[in-house]
Amino acid sequence: LETARGGLLRRGLAVKQASVAAITNVS
């Protein structure tokens, strides 16, 4: 699941549990 910054801030985290999370970079 691609979890965009805007979506997180507007609607929160869509899932309660994940096996792994990745963040490639910030800019």
mmCIF file of all heavy atoms, coordinates in Angstrom:
data_MODEL
# 
_entry.id   MODEL 
# 
loop_
_atom_site.group_PDB 
_atom_site.id 
_atom_site.type_symbol 
_atom_site.label_atom_id 
_atom_site.label_alt_id 
_atom_site.label_comp_id 
_atom_site.label_asym_id 
_atom_site.label_entity_id 
_atom_site.label_seq_id 
_atom_site.pdbx_PDB_ins_code 
_atom_site.Cartn_x 
_atom_site.Cartn_y 
_atom_site.Cartn_z 
_atom_site.occupancy 
_atom_site.B_iso_or_equiv 
_atom_site.pdbx_formal_charge 
_atom_site.auth_seq_id 
_atom_site.auth_comp_id 
_atom_site.auth_asym_id 
_atom_site.auth_atom_id 
_atom_site.pdbx_PDB_model_num 
ATOM 1   N N   . LEU A 1 1  ? 0.837  -1.199 0.000  1.00 0.00 ? 1  LEU A N   1 
ATOM 2   C CA  . LEU A 1 1  ? 0.000  0.000  0.000  1.00 0.00 ? 1  LEU A CA  1 
ATOM 3   C C   . LEU A 1 1  ? 0.873  1.250  0.000  1.00 0.00 ? 1  LEU A C   1 
ATOM 4   O O   . LEU A 1 1  ? 1.690  1.448  0.898  1.00 0.00 ? 1  LEU A O   1 
ATOM 5   C CB  . LEU A 1 1  ? -0.903 0.020  1.235  1.00 0.00 ? 1  LEU A CB  1 
ATOM 6   C CG  . LEU A 1 1  ? -1.750 -1.234 1.491  1.00 0.00 ? 1  LEU A CG  1 
ATOM 7   C CD1 . LEU A 1 1  ? -2.546 -1.056 2.783  1.00 0.00 ? 1  LEU A CD1 1 
ATOM 8   C CD2 . LEU A 1 1  ? -2.683 -1.493 0.319  1.00 0.00 ? 1  LEU A CD2 1 
ATOM 9   N N   . GLU A 1 2  ? 0.697  2.082  -1.027 1.00 0.00 ? 2  GLU A N   1 
ATOM 10  C CA  . GLU A 1 2  ? 1.333  3.399  -0.991 1.00 0.00 ? 2  GLU A CA  1 
ATOM 11  C C   . GLU A 1 2  ? 0.504  4.287  -0.073 1.00 0.00 ? 2  GLU A C   1 
ATOM 12  O O   . GLU A 1 2  ? -0.697 4.472  -0.280 1.00 0.00 ? 2  GLU A O   1 
ATOM 13  C CB  . GLU A 1 2  ? 1.411  4.034  -2.378 1.00 0.00 ? 2  GLU A CB  1 
ATOM 14  C CG  . GLU A 1 2  ? 2.078  5.404  -2.305 1.00 0.00 ? 2  GLU A CG  1 
ATOM 15  C CD  . GLU A 1 2  ? 1.985  6.196  -3.603 1.00 0.00 ? 2  GLU A CD  1 
ATOM 16  O OE1 . GLU A 1 2  ? 1.244  5.793  -4.501 1.00 0.00 ? 2  GLU A OE1 1 
ATOM 17  O OE2 . GLU A 1 2  ? 2.669  7.233  -3.682 1.00 0.00 ? 2  GLU A OE2 1 
ATOM 18  N N   . THR A 1 3  ? 1.132  4.811  0.956  1.00 0.00 ? 3  THR A N   1 
ATOM 19  C CA  . THR A 1 3  ? 0.424  5.610  1.956  1.00 0.00 ? 3  THR A CA  1 
ATOM 20  C C   . THR A 1 3  ? 0.968  7.028  1.886  1.00 0.00 ? 3  THR A C   1 
ATOM 21  O O   . THR A 1 3  ? 2.021  7.334  2.434  1.00 0.00 ? 3  THR A O   1 
ATOM 22  C CB  . THR A 1 3  ? 0.634  5.021  3.361  1.00 0.00 ? 3  THR A CB  1 
ATOM 23  O OG1 . THR A 1 3  ? 0.372  3.615  3.319  1.00 0.00 ? 3  THR A OG1 1 
ATOM 24  C CG2 . THR A 1 3  ? -0.287 5.667  4.370  1.00 0.00 ? 3  THR A CG2 1 
ATOM 25  N N   . ALA A 1 4  ? 0.253  7.896  1.187  1.00 0.00 ? 4  ALA A N   1 
ATOM 26  C CA  . ALA A 1 4  ? 0.757  9.241  0.908  1.00 0.00 ? 4  ALA A CA  1 
ATOM 27  C C   . ALA A 1 4  ? 0.666  10.150 2.128  1.00 0.00 ? 4  ALA A C   1 
ATOM 28  O O   . ALA A 1 4  ? -0.230 10.010 2.957  1.00 0.00 ? 4  ALA A O   1 
ATOM 29  C CB  . ALA A 1 4  ? -0.022 9.850  -0.257 1.00 0.00 ? 4  ALA A CB  1 
ATOM 30  N N   . ARG A 1 5  ? 1.592  11.082 2.197  1.00 0.00 ? 5  ARG A N   1 
ATOM 31  C CA  . ARG A 1 5  ? 1.611  12.057 3.291  1.00 0.00 ? 5  ARG A CA  1 
ATOM 32  C C   . ARG A 1 5  ? 0.278  12.793 3.416  1.00 0.00 ? 5  ARG A C   1 
ATOM 33  O O   . ARG A 1 5  ? -0.260 12.946 4.513  1.00 0.00 ? 5  ARG A O   1 
ATOM 34  C CB  . ARG A 1 5  ? 2.750  13.053 3.008  1.00 0.00 ? 5  ARG A CB  1 
ATOM 35  C CG  . ARG A 1 5  ? 2.704  14.339 3.809  1.00 0.00 ? 5  ARG A CG  1 
ATOM 36  C CD  . ARG A 1 5  ? 3.251  15.487 2.974  1.00 0.00 ? 5  ARG A CD  1 
ATOM 37  N NE  . ARG A 1 5  ? 2.563  15.574 1.701  1.00 0.00 ? 5  ARG A NE  1 
ATOM 38  C CZ  . ARG A 1 5  ? 1.403  16.190 1.497  1.00 0.00 ? 5  ARG A CZ  1 
ATOM 39  N NH1 . ARG A 1 5  ? 0.811  16.798 2.505  1.00 0.00 ? 5  ARG A NH1 1 
ATOM 40  N NH2 . ARG A 1 5  ? 0.830  16.211 0.314  1.00 0.00 ? 5  ARG A NH2 1 
ATOM 41  N N   . GLY A 1 6  ? -0.267 13.240 2.287  1.00 0.00 ? 6  GLY A N   1 
ATOM 42  C CA  . GLY A 1 6  ? -1.524 13.973 2.336  1.00 0.00 ? 6  GLY A CA  1 
ATOM 43  C C   . GLY A 1 6  ? -2.664 13.129 2.867  1.00 0.00 ? 6  GLY A C   1 
ATOM 44  O O   . GLY A 1 6  ? -3.485 13.590 3.665  1.00 0.00 ? 6  GLY A O   1 
ATOM 45  N N   . GLY A 1 7  ? -2.715 11.878 2.434  1.00 0.00 ? 7  GLY A N   1 
ATOM 46  C CA  . GLY A 1 7  ? -3.764 10.981 2.907  1.00 0.00 ? 7  GLY A CA  1 
ATOM 47  C C   . GLY A 1 7  ? -3.651 10.704 4.390  1.00 0.00 ? 7  GLY A C   1 
ATOM 48  O O   . GLY A 1 7  ? -4.650 10.658 5.113  1.00 0.00 ? 7  GLY A O   1 
ATOM 49  N N   . LEU A 1 8  ? -2.432 10.543 4.862  1.00 0.00 ? 8  LEU A N   1 
ATOM 50  C CA  . LEU A 1 8  ? -2.219 10.309 6.295  1.00 0.00 ? 8  LEU A CA  1 
ATOM 51  C C   . LEU A 1 8  ? -2.714 11.495 7.125  1.00 0.00 ? 8  LEU A C   1 
ATOM 52  O O   . LEU A 1 8  ? -3.352 11.328 8.166  1.00 0.00 ? 8  LEU A O   1 
ATOM 53  C CB  . LEU A 1 8  ? -0.737 10.078 6.573  1.00 0.00 ? 8  LEU A CB  1 
ATOM 54  C CG  . LEU A 1 8  ? -0.134 8.748  6.120  1.00 0.00 ? 8  LEU A CG  1 
ATOM 55  C CD1 . LEU A 1 8  ? 1.386  8.790  6.213  1.00 0.00 ? 8  LEU A CD1 1 
ATOM 56  C CD2 . LEU A 1 8  ? -0.670 7.597  6.951  1.00 0.00 ? 8  LEU A CD2 1 
ATOM 57  N N   . LEU A 1 9  ? -2.423 12.695 6.645  1.00 0.00 ? 9  LEU A N   1 
ATOM 58  C CA  . LEU A 1 9  ? -2.786 13.879 7.414  1.00 0.00 ? 9  LEU A CA  1 
ATOM 59  C C   . LEU A 1 9  ? -4.269 14.210 7.300  1.00 0.00 ? 9  LEU A C   1 
ATOM 60  O O   . LEU A 1 9  ? -4.854 14.778 8.220  1.00 0.00 ? 9  LEU A O   1 
ATOM 61  C CB  . LEU A 1 9  ? -1.943 15.072 6.953  1.00 0.00 ? 9  LEU A CB  1 
ATOM 62  C CG  . LEU A 1 9  ? -0.443 14.936 7.243  1.00 0.00 ? 9  LEU A CG  1 
ATOM 63  C CD1 . LEU A 1 9  ? 0.336  16.087 6.626  1.00 0.00 ? 9  LEU A CD1 1 
ATOM 64  C CD2 . LEU A 1 9  ? -0.193 14.893 8.744  1.00 0.00 ? 9  LEU A CD2 1 
ATOM 65  N N   . ARG A 1 10 ? -4.880 13.846 6.187  1.00 0.00 ? 10 ARG A N   1 
ATOM 66  C CA  . ARG A 1 10 ? -6.311 14.113 6.020  1.00 0.00 ? 10 ARG A CA  1 
ATOM 67  C C   . ARG A 1 10 ? -7.171 13.057 6.690  1.00 0.00 ? 10 ARG A C   1 
ATOM 68  O O   . ARG A 1 10 ? -8.193 13.366 7.295  1.00 0.00 ? 10 ARG A O   1 
ATOM 69  C CB  . ARG A 1 10 ? -6.669 14.170 4.524  1.00 0.00 ? 10 ARG A CB  1 
ATOM 70  C CG  . ARG A 1 10 ? -6.249 15.438 3.819  1.00 0.00 ? 10 ARG A CG  1 
ATOM 71  C CD  . ARG A 1 10 ? -6.921 15.542 2.455  1.00 0.00 ? 10 ARG A CD  1 
ATOM 72  N NE  . ARG A 1 10 ? -6.537 14.461 1.569  1.00 0.00 ? 10 ARG A NE  1 
ATOM 73  C CZ  . ARG A 1 10 ? -5.491 14.490 0.742  1.00 0.00 ? 10 ARG A CZ  1 
ATOM 74  N NH1 . ARG A 1 10 ? -4.720 15.559 0.709  1.00 0.00 ? 10 ARG A NH1 1 
ATOM 75  N NH2 . ARG A 1 10 ? -5.208 13.470 -0.048 1.00 0.00 ? 10 ARG A NH2 1 
ATOM 76  N N   . ARG A 1 11 ? -6.768 11.793 6.571  1.00 0.00 ? 11 ARG A N   1 
ATOM 77  C CA  . ARG A 1 11 ? -7.662 10.707 6.966  1.00 0.00 ? 11 ARG A CA  1 
ATOM 78  C C   . ARG A 1 11 ? -7.064 9.729  7.968  1.00 0.00 ? 11 ARG A C   1 
ATOM 79  O O   . ARG A 1 11 ? -7.748 8.826  8.443  1.00 0.00 ? 11 ARG A O   1 
ATOM 80  C CB  . ARG A 1 11 ? -8.112 9.933  5.721  1.00 0.00 ? 11 ARG A CB  1 
ATOM 81  C CG  . ARG A 1 11 ? -8.783 10.818 4.681  1.00 0.00 ? 11 ARG A CG  1 
ATOM 82  C CD  . ARG A 1 11 ? -9.294 9.999  3.502  1.00 0.00 ? 11 ARG A CD  1 
ATOM 83  N NE  . ARG A 1 11 ? -9.879 10.862 2.500  1.00 0.00 ? 11 ARG A NE  1 
ATOM 84  C CZ  . ARG A 1 11 ? -9.226 11.371 1.460  1.00 0.00 ? 11 ARG A CZ  1 
ATOM 85  N NH1 . ARG A 1 11 ? -7.950 11.104 1.308  1.00 0.00 ? 11 ARG A NH1 1 
ATOM 86  N NH2 . ARG A 1 11 ? -9.825 12.143 0.590  1.00 0.00 ? 11 ARG A NH2 1 
ATOM 87  N N   . GLY A 1 12 ? -5.783 9.836  8.239  1.00 0.00 ? 12 GLY A N   1 
ATOM 88  C CA  . GLY A 1 12 ? -5.168 8.921  9.182  1.00 0.00 ? 12 GLY A CA  1 
ATOM 89  C C   . GLY A 1 12 ? -4.633 7.668  8.507  1.00 0.00 ? 12 GLY A C   1 
ATOM 90  O O   . GLY A 1 12 ? -4.656 7.526  7.290  1.00 0.00 ? 12 GLY A O   1 
ATOM 91  N N   . LEU A 1 13 ? -4.141 6.752  9.325  1.00 0.00 ? 13 LEU A N   1 
ATOM 92  C CA  . LEU A 1 13 ? -3.548 5.510  8.838  1.00 0.00 ? 13 LEU A CA  1 
ATOM 93  C C   . LEU A 1 13 ? -4.647 4.510  8.495  1.00 0.00 ? 13 LEU A C   1 
ATOM 94  O O   . LEU A 1 13 ? -5.547 4.255  9.293  1.00 0.00 ? 13 LEU A O   1 
ATOM 95  C CB  . LEU A 1 13 ? -2.628 4.939  9.919  1.00 0.00 ? 13 LEU A CB  1 
ATOM 96  C CG  . LEU A 1 13 ? -1.669 3.828  9.528  1.00 0.00 ? 13 LEU A CG  1 
ATOM 97  C CD1 . LEU A 1 13 ? -0.755 4.256  8.402  1.00 0.00 ? 13 LEU A CD1 1 
ATOM 98  C CD2 . LEU A 1 13 ? -0.844 3.424  10.743 1.00 0.00 ? 13 LEU A CD2 1 
ATOM 99  N N   . ALA A 1 14 ? -4.579 3.942  7.312  1.00 0.00 ? 14 ALA A N   1 
ATOM 100 C CA  . ALA A 1 14 ? -5.682 3.108  6.810  1.00 0.00 ? 14 ALA A CA  1 
ATOM 101 C C   . ALA A 1 14 ? -5.673 1.697  7.398  1.00 0.00 ? 14 ALA A C   1 
ATOM 102 O O   . ALA A 1 14 ? -6.693 1.010  7.358  1.00 0.00 ? 14 ALA A O   1 
ATOM 103 C CB  . ALA A 1 14 ? -5.624 3.020  5.291  1.00 0.00 ? 14 ALA A CB  1 
ATOM 104 N N   . VAL A 1 15 ? -4.542 1.239  7.917  1.00 0.00 ? 15 VAL A N   1 
ATOM 105 C CA  . VAL A 1 15 ? -4.454 -0.124 8.438  1.00 0.00 ? 15 VAL A CA  1 
ATOM 106 C C   . VAL A 1 15 ? -3.958 -0.091 9.875  1.00 0.00 ? 15 VAL A C   1 
ATOM 107 O O   . VAL A 1 15 ? -3.232 0.821  10.282 1.00 0.00 ? 15 VAL A O   1 
ATOM 108 C CB  . VAL A 1 15 ? -3.502 -0.996 7.589  1.00 0.00 ? 15 VAL A CB  1 
ATOM 109 C CG1 . VAL A 1 15 ? -4.038 -1.155 6.171  1.00 0.00 ? 15 VAL A CG1 1 
ATOM 110 C CG2 . VAL A 1 15 ? -2.100 -0.410 7.553  1.00 0.00 ? 15 VAL A CG2 1 
ATOM 111 N N   . LYS A 1 16 ? -4.363 -1.077 10.638 1.00 0.00 ? 16 LYS A N   1 
ATOM 112 C CA  . LYS A 1 16 ? -3.946 -1.149 12.044 1.00 0.00 ? 16 LYS A CA  1 
ATOM 113 C C   . LYS A 1 16 ? -2.656 -1.929 12.220 1.00 0.00 ? 16 LYS A C   1 
ATOM 114 O O   . LYS A 1 16 ? -1.917 -1.718 13.177 1.00 0.00 ? 16 LYS A O   1 
ATOM 115 C CB  . LYS A 1 16 ? -5.055 -1.793 12.875 1.00 0.00 ? 16 LYS A CB  1 
ATOM 116 C CG  . LYS A 1 16 ? -6.322 -0.938 12.974 1.00 0.00 ? 16 LYS A CG  1 
ATOM 117 C CD  . LYS A 1 16 ? -7.355 -1.616 13.863 1.00 0.00 ? 16 LYS A CD  1 
ATOM 118 C CE  . LYS A 1 16 ? -8.598 -0.746 14.009 1.00 0.00 ? 16 LYS A CE  1 
ATOM 119 N NZ  . LYS A 1 16 ? -9.628 -1.388 14.873 1.00 0.00 ? 16 LYS A NZ  1 
ATOM 120 N N   . GLN A 1 17 ? -2.411 -2.880 11.311 1.00 0.00 ? 17 GLN A N   1 
ATOM 121 C CA  . GLN A 1 17 ? -1.221 -3.718 11.433 1.00 0.00 ? 17 GLN A CA  1 
ATOM 122 C C   . GLN A 1 17 ? -0.574 -3.904 10.069 1.00 0.00 ? 17 GLN A C   1 
ATOM 123 O O   . GLN A 1 17 ? -1.259 -4.066 9.058  1.00 0.00 ? 17 GLN A O   1 
ATOM 124 C CB  . GLN A 1 17 ? -1.578 -5.091 12.009 1.00 0.00 ? 17 GLN A CB  1 
ATOM 125 C CG  . GLN A 1 17 ? -1.996 -5.051 13.474 1.00 0.00 ? 17 GLN A CG  1 
ATOM 126 C CD  . GLN A 1 17 ? -2.204 -6.450 14.027 1.00 0.00 ? 17 GLN A CD  1 
ATOM 127 O OE1 . GLN A 1 17 ? -2.607 -7.358 13.310 1.00 0.00 ? 17 GLN A OE1 1 
ATOM 128 N NE2 . GLN A 1 17 ? -1.943 -6.610 15.314 1.00 0.00 ? 17 GLN A NE2 1 
ATOM 129 N N   . ALA A 1 18 ? 0.752  -3.877 10.054 1.00 0.00 ? 18 ALA A N   1 
ATOM 130 C CA  . ALA A 1 18 ? 1.513  -4.131 8.833  1.00 0.00 ? 18 ALA A CA  1 
ATOM 131 C C   . ALA A 1 18 ? 2.722  -4.989 9.175  1.00 0.00 ? 18 ALA A C   1 
ATOM 132 O O   . ALA A 1 18 ? 3.251  -4.924 10.282 1.00 0.00 ? 18 ALA A O   1 
ATOM 133 C CB  . ALA A 1 18 ? 1.960  -2.822 8.202  1.00 0.00 ? 18 ALA A CB  1 
ATOM 134 N N   . SER A 1 19 ? 3.129  -5.809 8.210  1.00 0.00 ? 19 SER A N   1 
ATOM 135 C CA  . SER A 1 19 ? 4.283  -6.677 8.420  1.00 0.00 ? 19 SER A CA  1 
ATOM 136 C C   . SER A 1 19 ? 5.603  -5.931 8.283  1.00 0.00 ? 19 SER A C   1 
ATOM 137 O O   . SER A 1 19 ? 6.620  -6.331 8.849  1.00 0.00 ? 19 SER A O   1 
ATOM 138 C CB  . SER A 1 19 ? 4.249  -7.831 7.412  1.00 0.00 ? 19 SER A CB  1 
ATOM 139 O OG  . SER A 1 19 ? 3.068  -8.586 7.570  1.00 0.00 ? 19 SER A OG  1 
ATOM 140 N N   . VAL A 1 20 ? 5.597  -4.842 7.493  1.00 0.00 ? 20 VAL A N   1 
ATOM 141 C CA  . VAL A 1 20 ? 6.797  -4.046 7.268  1.00 0.00 ? 20 VAL A CA  1 
ATOM 142 C C   . VAL A 1 20 ? 6.347  -2.679 6.768  1.00 0.00 ? 20 VAL A C   1 
ATOM 143 O O   . VAL A 1 20 ? 5.289  -2.555 6.141  1.00 0.00 ? 20 VAL A O   1 
ATOM 144 C CB  . VAL A 1 20 ? 7.740  -4.728 6.245  1.00 0.00 ? 20 VAL A CB  1 
ATOM 145 C CG1 . VAL A 1 20 ? 7.032  -4.974 4.921  1.00 0.00 ? 20 VAL A CG1 1 
ATOM 146 C CG2 . VAL A 1 20 ? 9.016  -3.920 6.020  1.00 0.00 ? 20 VAL A CG2 1 
ATOM 147 N N   . ALA A 1 21 ? 7.132  -1.658 7.071  1.00 0.00 ? 21 ALA A N   1 
ATOM 148 C CA  . ALA A 1 21 ? 6.870  -0.315 6.555  1.00 0.00 ? 21 ALA A CA  1 
ATOM 149 C C   . ALA A 1 21 ? 8.165  0.228  5.978  1.00 0.00 ? 21 ALA A C   1 
ATOM 150 O O   . ALA A 1 21 ? 9.250  -0.066 6.489  1.00 0.00 ? 21 ALA A O   1 
ATOM 151 C CB  . ALA A 1 21 ? 6.345  0.607  7.656  1.00 0.00 ? 21 ALA A CB  1 
ATOM 152 N N   . ALA A 1 22 ? 8.066  0.996  4.905  1.00 0.00 ? 22 ALA A N   1 
ATOM 153 C CA  . ALA A 1 22 ? 9.262  1.538  4.254  1.00 0.00 ? 22 ALA A CA  1 
ATOM 154 C C   . ALA A 1 22 ? 9.051  2.999  3.909  1.00 0.00 ? 22 ALA A C   1 
ATOM 155 O O   . ALA A 1 22 ? 7.970  3.397  3.468  1.00 0.00 ? 22 ALA A O   1 
ATOM 156 C CB  . ALA A 1 22 ? 9.585  0.743  2.986  1.00 0.00 ? 22 ALA A CB  1 
ATOM 157 N N   . ILE A 1 23 ? 10.088 3.797  4.112  1.00 0.00 ? 23 ILE A N   1 
ATOM 158 C CA  . ILE A 1 23 ? 10.102 5.198  3.691  1.00 0.00 ? 23 ILE A CA  1 
ATOM 159 C C   . ILE A 1 23 ? 11.389 5.404  2.905  1.00 0.00 ? 23 ILE A C   1 
ATOM 160 O O   . ILE A 1 23 ? 12.486 5.226  3.426  1.00 0.00 ? 23 ILE A O   1 
ATOM 161 C CB  . ILE A 1 23 ? 10.038 6.161  4.886  1.00 0.00 ? 23 ILE A CB  1 
ATOM 162 C CG1 . ILE A 1 23 ? 8.806  5.857  5.751  1.00 0.00 ? 23 ILE A CG1 1 
ATOM 163 C CG2 . ILE A 1 23 ? 9.996  7.605  4.405  1.00 0.00 ? 23 ILE A CG2 1 
ATOM 164 C CD1 . ILE A 1 23 ? 8.751  6.647  7.034  1.00 0.00 ? 23 ILE A CD1 1 
ATOM 165 N N   . THR A 1 24 ? 11.251 5.797  1.649  1.00 0.00 ? 24 THR A N   1 
ATOM 166 C CA  . THR A 1 24 ? 12.430 5.884  0.784  1.00 0.00 ? 24 THR A CA  1 
ATOM 167 C C   . THR A 1 24 ? 13.218 7.175  0.980  1.00 0.00 ? 24 THR A C   1 
ATOM 168 O O   . THR A 1 24 ? 14.444 7.181  0.891  1.00 0.00 ? 24 THR A O   1 
ATOM 169 C CB  . THR A 1 24 ? 12.025 5.765  -0.697 1.00 0.00 ? 24 THR A CB  1 
ATOM 170 O OG1 . THR A 1 24 ? 11.016 6.752  -0.986 1.00 0.00 ? 24 THR A OG1 1 
ATOM 171 C CG2 . THR A 1 24 ? 11.472 4.387  -0.995 1.00 0.00 ? 24 THR A CG2 1 
ATOM 172 N N   . ASN A 1 25 ? 12.525 8.289  1.236  1.00 0.00 ? 25 ASN A N   1 
ATOM 173 C CA  . ASN A 1 25 ? 13.229 9.562  1.409  1.00 0.00 ? 25 ASN A CA  1 
ATOM 174 C C   . ASN A 1 25 ? 12.217 10.642 1.770  1.00 0.00 ? 25 ASN A C   1 
ATOM 175 O O   . ASN A 1 25 ? 11.004 10.422 1.684  1.00 0.00 ? 25 ASN A O   1 
ATOM 176 C CB  . ASN A 1 25 ? 13.976 9.965  0.129  1.00 0.00 ? 25 ASN A CB  1 
ATOM 177 C CG  . ASN A 1 25 ? 13.014 10.312 -0.994 1.00 0.00 ? 25 ASN A CG  1 
ATOM 178 O OD1 . ASN A 1 25 ? 12.185 9.507  -1.403 1.00 0.00 ? 25 ASN A OD1 1 
ATOM 179 N ND2 . ASN A 1 25 ? 13.112 11.530 -1.484 1.00 0.00 ? 25 ASN A ND2 1 
ATOM 180 N N   . VAL A 1 26 ? 12.711 11.802 2.149  1.00 0.00 ? 26 VAL A N   1 
ATOM 181 C CA  . VAL A 1 26 ? 11.862 12.977 2.336  1.00 0.00 ? 26 VAL A CA  1 
ATOM 182 C C   . VAL A 1 26 ? 12.510 14.144 1.606  1.00 0.00 ? 26 VAL A C   1 
ATOM 183 O O   . VAL A 1 26 ? 13.730 14.206 1.470  1.00 0.00 ? 26 VAL A O   1 
ATOM 184 C CB  . VAL A 1 26 ? 11.650 13.324 3.827  1.00 0.00 ? 26 VAL A CB  1 
ATOM 185 C CG1 . VAL A 1 26 ? 10.855 12.243 4.531  1.00 0.00 ? 26 VAL A CG1 1 
ATOM 186 C CG2 . VAL A 1 26 ? 12.984 13.543 4.539  1.00 0.00 ? 26 VAL A CG2 1 
ATOM 187 N N   . SER A 1 27 ? 11.673 15.063 1.115  1.00 0.00 ? 27 SER A N   1 
ATOM 188 C CA  . SER A 1 27 ? 12.188 16.234 0.421  1.00 0.00 ? 27 SER A CA  1 
ATOM 189 C C   . SER A 1 27 ? 11.184 17.367 0.536  1.00 0.00 ? 27 SER A C   1 
ATOM 190 O O   . SER A 1 27 ? 10.040 17.168 0.949  1.00 0.00 ? 27 SER A O   1 
ATOM 191 C CB  . SER A 1 27 ? 12.472 15.915 -1.056 1.00 0.00 ? 27 SER A CB  1 
ATOM 192 O OG  . SER A 1 27 ? 11.271 15.567 -1.722 1.00 0.00 ? 27 SER A OG  1 
# 
